[in-house]
Amino acid sequence: MIVHLTDKVEAFGIYPGGQSGNPGSKFYDTFIQDWANGNYYSLLFLKQKEAALHPKIKWHLQFTKA
């Protein structure tokens, strides 16, 4: 993961073991070649206010104390 900490945060990353990290998954090696080549993907990094309106956000989960 690479993060550029400015007023508007830019973040890039890749999961070499697949998104689940589960070695038993058939998708475990999906990103190995990209990782080996140093190819990173742009990561969505939002502030709380932005997340409520962003079109890529499909669900919201909020925890409260019981």
Protein backbone atom coordinates (compact mmCIF):
# COMPACT_ATOMS: atom_id res chain seq x y z
CA MET A 1 0.00 0.00 0.00
CA ILE A 2 1.21 3.46 -0.89
CA VAL A 3 -0.53 6.48 0.63
CA HIS A 4 0.10 10.11 -0.27
CA LEU A 5 -1.00 12.13 2.77
CA THR A 6 -2.08 15.49 1.43
CA ASP A 7 -5.33 17.44 1.79
CA LYS A 8 -6.89 14.97 -0.67
CA VAL A 9 -5.46 11.56 0.26
CA GLU A 10 -4.37 9.35 -2.62
CA ALA A 11 -3.90 5.65 -1.92
CA PHE A 12 -2.72 2.73 -4.07
CA GLY A 13 -2.43 -0.91 -3.15
CA ILE A 14 -2.64 -4.55 -4.15
CA TYR A 15 -3.39 -7.81 -2.34
CA PRO A 16 -0.89 -10.40 -3.59
CA GLY A 17 -2.84 -13.22 -1.92
CA GLY A 18 -6.21 -12.25 -3.32
CA GLN A 19 -8.72 -10.10 -1.49
CA SER A 20 -9.68 -12.81 0.97
CA GLY A 21 -6.12 -13.90 1.69
CA ASN A 22 -7.42 -17.47 1.81
CA PRO A 23 -4.89 -19.91 0.24
CA GLY A 24 -7.76 -22.34 -0.44
CA SER A 25 -9.60 -19.85 -2.66
CA LYS A 26 -9.46 -20.31 -6.43
CA PHE A 27 -8.86 -16.53 -6.61
CA TYR A 28 -5.83 -16.59 -4.27
CA ASP A 29 -3.30 -16.00 -7.05
CA THR A 30 -5.38 -13.50 -9.06
CA PHE A 31 -3.10 -10.52 -8.33
CA ILE A 32 0.27 -12.29 -8.02
CA GLN A 33 1.56 -11.21 -11.43
CA ASP A 34 0.43 -7.59 -10.94
CA TRP A 35 2.06 -7.57 -7.50
CA ALA A 36 5.33 -8.99 -8.90
CA ASN A 37 5.31 -6.34 -11.65
CA GLY A 38 4.71 -3.53 -9.14
CA ASN A 39 1.26 -2.68 -10.52
CA TYR A 40 -0.90 -1.03 -7.87
CA TYR A 41 -4.59 -0.18 -8.02
CA SER A 42 -6.14 3.10 -6.94
CA LEU A 43 -7.89 2.66 -3.58
CA LEU A 44 -11.03 4.52 -2.62
CA PHE A 45 -10.19 6.69 0.39
CA LEU A 46 -13.11 8.81 1.58
CA LYS A 47 -13.98 10.98 4.51
CA GLN A 48 -17.17 10.02 6.34
CA LYS A 49 -19.23 12.80 4.72
CA GLU A 50 -18.11 11.78 1.23
CA ALA A 51 -18.87 8.09 1.78
CA ALA A 52 -22.59 8.71 2.20
CA LEU A 53 -22.85 10.18 -1.30
CA HIS A 54 -20.22 8.32 -3.31
CA PRO A 55 -21.66 6.17 -6.14
CA LYS A 56 -19.22 3.29 -5.51
CA ILE A 57 -20.48 2.80 -1.93
CA LYS A 58 -23.27 0.23 -1.97
CA TRP A 59 -23.86 -0.37 1.76
CA HIS A 60 -23.30 1.42 5.04
CA LEU A 61 -22.73 -0.34 8.34
CA GLN A 62 -22.72 1.58 11.60
CA PHE A 63 -21.93 0.12 15.02
CA THR A 64 -23.37 1.57 18.20
CA LYS A 65 -22.80 0.70 21.83
CA ALA A 66 -25.41 -1.65 23.25
